[in-house]
Amino acid sequence: MNSLNDVKDILISTLQLEERAATLNEHTFLLGSLAELDSVTVINVIVQIEEHYGLKFDDSEINGNVFATLGSLAATVDQKLAHTNK
């Protein structure tokens, strides 16, 4: 599964990044690079991802590496989906 576009759309919507949407790709750095992404908005993004996919993340599954880039966040979602669908 490739959730990159969905995760990108969730980020754009949650962080109100519409003006920069065209510049976001799998290599876009997130945590520490997007001023809009802080500890509160990380939680909001996770909640939106959980609701969109019907997933539940444990706190231990969320760390700085997950939010390093848009690609790493999407890869985490893909791994969670693959594990959930087994």
PDB file of N, CA and C in Angstrom:
ATOM      1  N   MET A   1       0.850  -1.181   0.000  1.00  0.00           N
ATOM      2  CA  MET A   1       0.000   0.000   0.000  1.00  0.00           C
ATOM      3  C   MET A   1       0.891   1.238   0.000  1.00  0.00           C
ATOM      4  N   ASN A   2       0.443   2.273  -0.646  1.00  0.00           N
ATOM      5  CA  ASN A   2       1.195   3.516  -0.670  1.00  0.00           C
ATOM      6  C   ASN A   2       0.274   4.645  -0.219  1.00  0.00           C
ATOM      7  N   SER A   3       0.495   5.086   0.988  1.00  0.00           N
ATOM      8  CA  SER A   3      -0.369   6.092   1.596  1.00  0.00           C
ATOM      9  C   SER A   3       0.175   7.511   1.433  1.00  0.00           C
ATOM     10  N   LEU A   4       1.232   7.694   0.674  1.00  0.00           N
ATOM     11  CA  LEU A   4       1.894   8.995   0.592  1.00  0.00           C
ATOM     12  C   LEU A   4       0.930  10.134   0.264  1.00  0.00           C
ATOM     13  N   ASN A   5       0.112   9.976  -0.761  1.00  0.00           N
ATOM     14  CA  ASN A   5      -0.796  11.063  -1.153  1.00  0.00           C
ATOM     15  C   ASN A   5      -1.839  11.357  -0.081  1.00  0.00           C
ATOM     16  N   ASP A   6      -2.376  10.306   0.541  1.00  0.00           N
ATOM     17  CA  ASP A   6      -3.362  10.517   1.605  1.00  0.00           C
ATOM     18  C   ASP A   6      -2.735  11.215   2.809  1.00  0.00           C
ATOM     19  N   VAL A   7      -1.546  10.772   3.200  1.00  0.00           N
ATOM     20  CA  VAL A   7      -0.865  11.373   4.345  1.00  0.00           C
ATOM     21  C   VAL A   7      -0.511  12.826   4.033  1.00  0.00           C
ATOM     22  N   LYS A   8      -0.080  13.084   2.810  1.00  0.00           N
ATOM     23  CA  LYS A   8       0.204  14.457   2.385  1.00  0.00           C
ATOM     24  C   LYS A   8      -1.054  15.316   2.502  1.00  0.00           C
ATOM     25  N   ASP A   9      -2.183  14.802   2.026  1.00  0.00           N
ATOM     26  CA  ASP A   9      -3.443  15.546   2.114  1.00  0.00           C
ATOM     27  C   ASP A   9      -3.839  15.809   3.563  1.00  0.00           C
ATOM     28  N   ILE A  10      -3.617  14.832   4.431  1.00  0.00           N
ATOM     29  CA  ILE A  10      -3.927  15.002   5.856  1.00  0.00           C
ATOM     30  C   ILE A  10      -3.047  16.092   6.462  1.00  0.00           C
ATOM     31  N   LEU A  11      -1.761  16.076   6.139  1.00  0.00           N
ATOM     32  CA  LEU A  11      -0.858  17.115   6.627  1.00  0.00           C
ATOM     33  C   LEU A  11      -1.280  18.491   6.141  1.00  0.00           C
ATOM     34  N   ILE A  12      -1.582  18.587   4.862  1.00  0.00           N
ATOM     35  CA  ILE A  12      -1.986  19.870   4.280  1.00  0.00           C
ATOM     36  C   ILE A  12      -3.226  20.403   4.974  1.00  0.00           C
ATOM     37  N   SER A  13      -4.189  19.544   5.165  1.00  0.00           N
ATOM     38  CA  SER A  13      -5.439  19.950   5.794  1.00  0.00           C
ATOM     39  C   SER A  13      -5.244  20.304   7.275  1.00  0.00           C
ATOM     40  N   THR A  14      -4.577  19.438   8.004  1.00  0.00           N
ATOM     41  CA  THR A  14      -4.416  19.619   9.442  1.00  0.00           C
ATOM     42  C   THR A  14      -3.543  20.820   9.778  1.00  0.00           C
ATOM     43  N   LEU A  15      -2.488  21.021   8.998  1.00  0.00           N
ATOM     44  CA  LEU A  15      -1.546  22.108   9.275  1.00  0.00           C
ATOM     45  C   LEU A  15      -1.818  23.356   8.443  1.00  0.00           C
ATOM     46  N   GLN A  16      -2.863  23.301   7.634  1.00  0.00           N
ATOM     47  CA  GLN A  16      -3.245  24.413   6.760  1.00  0.00           C
ATOM     48  C   GLN A  16      -2.071  24.855   5.885  1.00  0.00           C
ATOM     49  N   LEU A  17      -1.552  23.891   5.117  1.00  0.00           N
ATOM     50  CA  LEU A  17      -0.391  24.121   4.260  1.00  0.00           C
ATOM     51  C   LEU A  17      -0.768  24.253   2.788  1.00  0.00           C
ATOM     52  N   GLU A  18      -1.989  24.657   2.516  1.00  0.00           N
ATOM     53  CA  GLU A  18      -2.468  24.709   1.142  1.00  0.00           C
ATOM     54  C   GLU A  18      -1.543  25.506   0.220  1.00  0.00           C
ATOM     55  N   GLU A  19      -0.987  26.606   0.707  1.00  0.00           N
ATOM     56  CA  GLU A  19      -0.125  27.446  -0.117  1.00  0.00           C
ATOM     57  C   GLU A  19       1.182  26.761  -0.494  1.00  0.00           C
ATOM     58  N   ARG A  20       1.595  25.771   0.304  1.00  0.00           N
ATOM     59  CA  ARG A  20       2.847  25.055   0.040  1.00  0.00           C
ATOM     60  C   ARG A  20       2.623  23.626  -0.443  1.00  0.00           C
ATOM     61  N   ALA A  21       1.401  23.265  -0.726  1.00  0.00           N
ATOM     62  CA  ALA A  21       1.065  21.886  -1.068  1.00  0.00           C
ATOM     63  C   ALA A  21       1.894  21.349  -2.225  1.00  0.00           C
ATOM     64  N   ALA A  22       2.102  22.149  -3.236  1.00  0.00           N
ATOM     65  CA  ALA A  22       2.824  21.692  -4.426  1.00  0.00           C
ATOM     66  C   ALA A  22       4.295  21.400  -4.129  1.00  0.00           C
ATOM     67  N   THR A  23       4.832  21.953  -3.056  1.00  0.00           N
ATOM     68  CA  THR A  23       6.249  21.747  -2.748  1.00  0.00           C
ATOM     69  C   THR A  23       6.484  20.532  -1.856  1.00  0.00           C
ATOM     70  N   LEU A  24       5.433  19.932  -1.338  1.00  0.00           N
ATOM     71  CA  LEU A  24       5.579  18.794  -0.428  1.00  0.00           C
ATOM     72  C   LEU A  24       5.754  17.507  -1.218  1.00  0.00           C
ATOM     73  N   ASN A  25       6.776  16.743  -0.849  1.00  0.00           N
ATOM     74  CA  ASN A  25       6.994  15.426  -1.453  1.00  0.00           C
ATOM     75  C   ASN A  25       7.565  14.494  -0.398  1.00  0.00           C
ATOM     76  N   GLU A  26       7.870  13.270  -0.779  1.00  0.00           N
ATOM     77  CA  GLU A  26       8.306  12.278   0.202  1.00  0.00           C
ATOM     78  C   GLU A  26       9.595  12.669   0.921  1.00  0.00           C
ATOM     79  N   HIS A  27      10.382  13.563   0.346  1.00  0.00           N
ATOM     80  CA  HIS A  27      11.647  13.981   0.945  1.00  0.00           C
ATOM     81  C   HIS A  27      11.524  15.244   1.798  1.00  0.00           C
ATOM     82  N   THR A  28      10.331  15.803   1.864  1.00  0.00           N
ATOM     83  CA  THR A  28      10.122  17.022   2.647  1.00  0.00           C
ATOM     84  C   THR A  28      10.341  16.735   4.126  1.00  0.00           C
ATOM     85  N   PHE A  29      11.235  17.500   4.733  1.00  0.00           N
ATOM     86  CA  PHE A  29      11.481  17.366   6.163  1.00  0.00           C
ATOM     87  C   PHE A  29      10.299  17.946   6.929  1.00  0.00           C
ATOM     88  N   LEU A  30       9.916  17.265   8.001  1.00  0.00           N
ATOM     89  CA  LEU A  30       8.753  17.690   8.779  1.00  0.00           C
ATOM     90  C   LEU A  30       9.164  18.258  10.128  1.00  0.00           C
ATOM     91  N   LEU A  31       9.372  17.407  11.092  1.00  0.00           N
ATOM     92  CA  LEU A  31       9.642  17.840  12.463  1.00  0.00           C
ATOM     93  C   LEU A  31      10.926  18.666  12.513  1.00  0.00           C
ATOM     94  N   GLY A  32      10.805  19.889  12.988  1.00  0.00           N
ATOM     95  CA  GLY A  32      11.942  20.786  13.056  1.00  0.00           C
ATOM     96  C   GLY A  32      12.091  21.660  11.822  1.00  0.00           C
ATOM     97  N   SER A  33      11.357  21.326  10.761  1.00  0.00           N
ATOM     98  CA  SER A  33      11.440  22.107   9.524  1.00  0.00           C
ATOM     99  C   SER A  33      10.156  22.852   9.212  1.00  0.00           C
ATOM    100  N   LEU A  34       9.034  22.295   9.612  1.00  0.00           N
ATOM    101  CA  LEU A  34       7.750  22.967   9.417  1.00  0.00           C
ATOM    102  C   LEU A  34       7.357  23.648  10.722  1.00  0.00           C
ATOM    103  N   ALA A  35       7.305  24.964  10.699  1.00  0.00           N
ATOM    104  CA  ALA A  35       6.946  25.706  11.914  1.00  0.00           C
ATOM    105  C   ALA A  35       5.568  25.303  12.428  1.00  0.00           C
ATOM    106  N   GLU A  36       4.701  24.883  11.524  1.00  0.00           N
ATOM    107  CA  GLU A  36       3.331  24.510  11.906  1.00  0.00           C
ATOM    108  C   GLU A  36       3.274  23.180  12.659  1.00  0.00           C
ATOM    109  N   LEU A  37       4.347  22.404  12.596  1.00  0.00           N
ATOM    110  CA  LEU A  37       4.347  21.077  13.207  1.00  0.00           C
ATOM    111  C   LEU A  37       5.055  21.126  14.556  1.00  0.00           C
ATOM    112  N   ASP A  38       4.253  21.078  15.614  1.00  0.00           N
ATOM    113  CA  ASP A  38       4.788  21.052  16.972  1.00  0.00           C
ATOM    114  C   ASP A  38       4.150  19.879  17.708  1.00  0.00           C
ATOM    115  N   SER A  39       4.375  19.780  18.995  1.00  0.00           N
ATOM    116  CA  SER A  39       3.875  18.621  19.745  1.00  0.00           C
ATOM    117  C   SER A  39       2.353  18.498  19.688  1.00  0.00           C
ATOM    118  N   VAL A  40       1.659  19.609  19.677  1.00  0.00           N
ATOM    119  CA  VAL A  40       0.196  19.567  19.615  1.00  0.00           C
ATOM    120  C   VAL A  40      -0.273  19.146  18.230  1.00  0.00           C
ATOM    121  N   THR A  41       0.323  19.709  17.202  1.00  0.00           N
ATOM    122  CA  THR A  41      -0.128  19.368  15.846  1.00  0.00           C
ATOM    123  C   THR A  41       0.297  17.957  15.449  1.00  0.00           C
ATOM    124  N   VAL A  42       1.376  17.444  16.027  1.00  0.00           N
ATOM    125  CA  VAL A  42       1.738  16.034  15.795  1.00  0.00           C
ATOM    126  C   VAL A  42       0.586  15.152  16.249  1.00  0.00           C
ATOM    127  N   ILE A  43       0.046  15.445  17.410  1.00  0.00           N
ATOM    128  CA  ILE A  43      -1.088  14.666  17.933  1.00  0.00           C
ATOM    129  C   ILE A  43      -2.283  14.803  17.001  1.00  0.00           C
ATOM    130  N   ASN A  44      -2.553  16.004  16.530  1.00  0.00           N
ATOM    131  CA  ASN A  44      -3.674  16.208  15.614  1.00  0.00           C
ATOM    132  C   ASN A  44      -3.490  15.424  14.316  1.00  0.00           C
ATOM    133  N   VAL A  45      -2.276  15.407  13.795  1.00  0.00           N
ATOM    134  CA  VAL A  45      -1.999  14.649  12.564  1.00  0.00           C
ATOM    135  C   VAL A  45      -2.222  13.159  12.807  1.00  0.00           C
ATOM    136  N   ILE A  46      -1.716  12.653  13.918  1.00  0.00           N
ATOM    137  CA  ILE A  46      -1.907  11.229  14.239  1.00  0.00           C
ATOM    138  C   ILE A  46      -3.386  10.903  14.367  1.00  0.00           C
ATOM    139  N   VAL A  47      -4.138  11.740  15.048  1.00  0.00           N
ATOM    140  CA  VAL A  47      -5.584  11.509  15.196  1.00  0.00           C
ATOM    141  C   VAL A  47      -6.261  11.477  13.831  1.00  0.00           C
ATOM    142  N   GLN A  48      -5.903  12.393  12.958  1.00  0.00           N
ATOM    143  CA  GLN A  48      -6.506  12.424  11.616  1.00  0.00           C
ATOM    144  C   GLN A  48      -6.141  11.172  10.815  1.00  0.00           C
ATOM    145  N   ILE A  49      -4.898  10.724  10.932  1.00  0.00           N
ATOM    146  CA  ILE A  49      -4.473   9.493  10.252  1.00  0.00           C
ATOM    147  C   ILE A  49      -5.241   8.301  10.812  1.00  0.00           C
ATOM    148  N   GLU A  50      -5.352   8.235  12.126  1.00  0.00           N
ATOM    149  CA  GLU A  50      -6.090   7.134  12.758  1.00  0.00           C
ATOM    150  C   GLU A  50      -7.535   7.107  12.275  1.00  0.00           C
ATOM    151  N   GLU A  51      -8.169   8.261  12.232  1.00  0.00           N
ATOM    152  CA  GLU A  51      -9.562   8.322  11.793  1.00  0.00           C
ATOM    153  C   GLU A  51      -9.700   7.977  10.318  1.00  0.00           C
ATOM    154  N   HIS A  52      -8.782   8.461   9.502  1.00  0.00           N
ATOM    155  CA  HIS A  52      -8.845   8.209   8.061  1.00  0.00           C
ATOM    156  C   HIS A  52      -8.704   6.722   7.742  1.00  0.00           C
ATOM    157  N   TYR A  53      -7.776   6.055   8.409  1.00  0.00           N
ATOM    158  CA  TYR A  53      -7.478   4.651   8.104  1.00  0.00           C
ATOM    159  C   TYR A  53      -8.101   3.660   9.077  1.00  0.00           C
ATOM    160  N   GLY A  54      -8.702   4.141  10.137  1.00  0.00           N
ATOM    161  CA  GLY A  54      -9.249   3.227  11.135  1.00  0.00           C
ATOM    162  C   GLY A  54      -8.155   2.523  11.922  1.00  0.00           C
ATOM    163  N   LEU A  55      -7.055   3.209  12.139  1.00  0.00           N
ATOM    164  CA  LEU A  55      -5.918   2.651  12.863  1.00  0.00           C
ATOM    165  C   LEU A  55      -5.859   3.185  14.280  1.00  0.00           C
ATOM    166  N   LYS A  56      -5.025   2.564  15.081  1.00  0.00           N
ATOM    167  CA  LYS A  56      -4.733   3.055  16.427  1.00  0.00           C
ATOM    168  C   LYS A  56      -3.239   2.922  16.655  1.00  0.00           C
ATOM    169  N   PHE A  57      -2.573   4.040  16.898  1.00  0.00           N
ATOM    170  CA  PHE A  57      -1.147   4.032  17.187  1.00  0.00           C
ATOM    171  C   PHE A  57      -0.928   4.068  18.685  1.00  0.00           C
ATOM    172  N   ASP A  58       0.023   3.264  19.164  1.00  0.00           N
ATOM    173  CA  ASP A  58       0.460   3.350  20.547  1.00  0.00           C
ATOM    174  C   ASP A  58       1.442   4.508  20.641  1.00  0.00           C
ATOM    175  N   ASP A  59       1.528   5.115  21.804  1.00  0.00           N
ATOM    176  CA  ASP A  59       2.476   6.211  22.000  1.00  0.00           C
ATOM    177  C   ASP A  59       3.903   5.789  21.654  1.00  0.00           C
ATOM    178  N   SER A  60       4.240   4.534  21.940  1.00  0.00           N
ATOM    179  CA  SER A  60       5.601   4.042  21.689  1.00  0.00           C
ATOM    180  C   SER A  60       5.931   3.940  20.198  1.00  0.00           C
ATOM    181  N   GLU A  61       4.912   3.978  19.342  1.00  0.00           N
ATOM    182  CA  GLU A  61       5.135   3.886  17.901  1.00  0.00           C
ATOM    183  C   GLU A  61       5.427   5.247  17.267  1.00  0.00           C
ATOM    184  N   ILE A  62       5.243   6.307  18.013  1.00  0.00           N
ATOM    185  CA  ILE A  62       5.407   7.658  17.474  1.00  0.00           C
ATOM    186  C   ILE A  62       6.676   8.275  18.057  1.00  0.00           C
ATOM    187  N   ASN A  63       7.587   8.654  17.172  1.00  0.00           N
ATOM    188  CA  ASN A  63       8.829   9.289  17.600  1.00  0.00           C
ATOM    189  C   ASN A  63       9.327  10.232  16.509  1.00  0.00           C
ATOM    190  N   GLY A  64      10.442  10.858  16.753  1.00  0.00           N
ATOM    191  CA  GLY A  64      10.999  11.810  15.806  1.00  0.00           C
ATOM    192  C   GLY A  64      11.332  11.202  14.454  1.00  0.00           C
ATOM    193  N   ASN A  65      11.725   9.935  14.442  1.00  0.00           N
ATOM    194  CA  ASN A  65      12.043   9.280  13.172  1.00  0.00           C
ATOM    195  C   ASN A  65      10.814   9.136  12.294  1.00  0.00           C
ATOM    196  N   VAL A  66       9.677   8.886  12.892  1.00  0.00           N
ATOM    197  CA  VAL A  66       8.424   8.766  12.145  1.00  0.00           C
ATOM    198  C   VAL A  66       8.113  10.079  11.442  1.00  0.00           C
ATOM    199  N   PHE A  67       8.329  11.183  12.124  1.00  0.00           N
ATOM    200  CA  PHE A  67       8.021  12.507  11.591  1.00  0.00           C
ATOM    201  C   PHE A  67       9.239  13.204  10.981  1.00  0.00           C
ATOM    202  N   ALA A  68      10.252  12.441  10.608  1.00  0.00           N
ATOM    203  CA  ALA A  68      11.440  13.031   9.991  1.00  0.00           C
ATOM    204  C   ALA A  68      11.099  13.636   8.632  1.00  0.00           C
ATOM    205  N   THR A  69      10.419  12.867   7.800  1.00  0.00           N
ATOM    206  CA  THR A  69      10.026  13.338   6.463  1.00  0.00           C
ATOM    207  C   THR A  69       8.600  12.887   6.173  1.00  0.00           C
ATOM    208  N   LEU A  70       8.024  13.446   5.156  1.00  0.00           N
ATOM    209  CA  LEU A  70       6.704  13.003   4.717  1.00  0.00           C
ATOM    210  C   LEU A  70       6.766  11.529   4.328  1.00  0.00           C
ATOM    211  N   GLY A  71       7.849  11.128   3.692  1.00  0.00           N
ATOM    212  CA  GLY A  71       8.021   9.727   3.298  1.00  0.00           C
ATOM    213  C   GLY A  71       8.102   8.785   4.482  1.00  0.00           C
ATOM    214  N   SER A  72       8.806   9.191   5.542  1.00  0.00           N
ATOM    215  CA  SER A  72       8.907   8.316   6.720  1.00  0.00           C
ATOM    216  C   SER A  72       7.566   8.194   7.435  1.00  0.00           C
ATOM    217  N   LEU A  73       6.792   9.258   7.440  1.00  0.00           N
ATOM    218  CA  LEU A  73       5.458   9.196   8.037  1.00  0.00           C
ATOM    219  C   LEU A  73       4.559   8.277   7.225  1.00  0.00           C
ATOM    220  N   ALA A  74       4.589   8.412   5.906  1.00  0.00           N
ATOM    221  CA  ALA A  74       3.775   7.555   5.047  1.00  0.00           C
ATOM    222  C   ALA A  74       4.217   6.099   5.162  1.00  0.00           C
ATOM    223  N   ALA A  75       5.519   5.851   5.254  1.00  0.00           N
ATOM    224  CA  ALA A  75       6.025   4.482   5.398  1.00  0.00           C
ATOM    225  C   ALA A  75       5.546   3.859   6.705  1.00  0.00           C
ATOM    226  N   THR A  76       5.498   4.646   7.760  1.00  0.00           N
ATOM    227  CA  THR A  76       4.993   4.160   9.052  1.00  0.00           C
ATOM    228  C   THR A  76       3.523   3.778   8.927  1.00  0.00           C
ATOM    229  N   VAL A  77       2.746   4.605   8.253  1.00  0.00           N
ATOM    230  CA  VAL A  77       1.332   4.298   8.034  1.00  0.00           C
ATOM    231  C   VAL A  77       1.210   3.020   7.206  1.00  0.00           C
ATOM    232  N   ASP A  78       2.008   2.880   6.150  1.00  0.00           N
ATOM    233  CA  ASP A  78       1.970   1.675   5.310  1.00  0.00           C
ATOM    234  C   ASP A  78       2.300   0.428   6.115  1.00  0.00           C
ATOM    235  N   GLN A  79       3.318   0.518   6.981  1.00  0.00           N
ATOM    236  CA  GLN A  79       3.687  -0.621   7.823  1.00  0.00           C
ATOM    237  C   GLN A  79       2.559  -0.981   8.784  1.00  0.00           C
ATOM    238  N   LYS A  80       1.946   0.029   9.357  1.00  0.00           N
ATOM    239  CA  LYS A  80       0.834  -0.202  10.295  1.00  0.00           C
ATOM    240  C   LYS A  80      -0.347  -0.835   9.564  1.00  0.00           C
ATOM    241  N   LEU A  81      -0.636  -0.362   8.356  1.00  0.00           N
ATOM    242  CA  LEU A  81      -1.725  -0.936   7.577  1.00  0.00           C
ATOM    243  C   LEU A  81      -1.441  -2.384   7.203  1.00  0.00           C
ATOM    244  N   ALA A  82      -0.214  -2.667   6.801  1.00  0.00           N
ATOM    245  CA  ALA A  82       0.158  -4.034   6.428  1.00  0.00           C
ATOM    246  C   ALA A  82       0.037  -4.970   7.616  1.00  0.00           C
ATOM    247  N   HIS A  83       0.450  -4.502   8.781  1.00  0.00           N
ATOM    248  CA  HIS A  83       0.379  -5.307   9.990  1.00  0.00           C
ATOM    249  C   HIS A  83      -1.069  -5.512  10.433  1.00  0.00           C
ATOM    250  N   THR A  84      -1.894  -4.491  10.277  1.00  0.00           N
ATOM    251  CA  THR A  84      -3.290  -4.557  10.669  1.00  0.00           C
ATOM    252  C   THR A  84      -4.096  -5.473   9.755  1.00  0.00           C
ATOM    253  N   ASN A  85      -3.726  -5.520   8.480  1.00  0.00           N
ATOM    254  CA  ASN A  85      -4.477  -6.316   7.497  1.00  0.00           C
ATOM    255  C   ASN A  85      -4.061  -7.774   7.445  1.00  0.00           C
ATOM    256  N   LYS A  86      -3.156  -8.207   8.316  1.00  0.00           N
ATOM    257  CA  LYS A  86      -2.716  -9.617   8.318  1.00  0.00           C
ATOM    258  C   LYS A  86      -3.716 -10.480   9.021  1.00  0.00           C
TER     259      LYS A  86
END
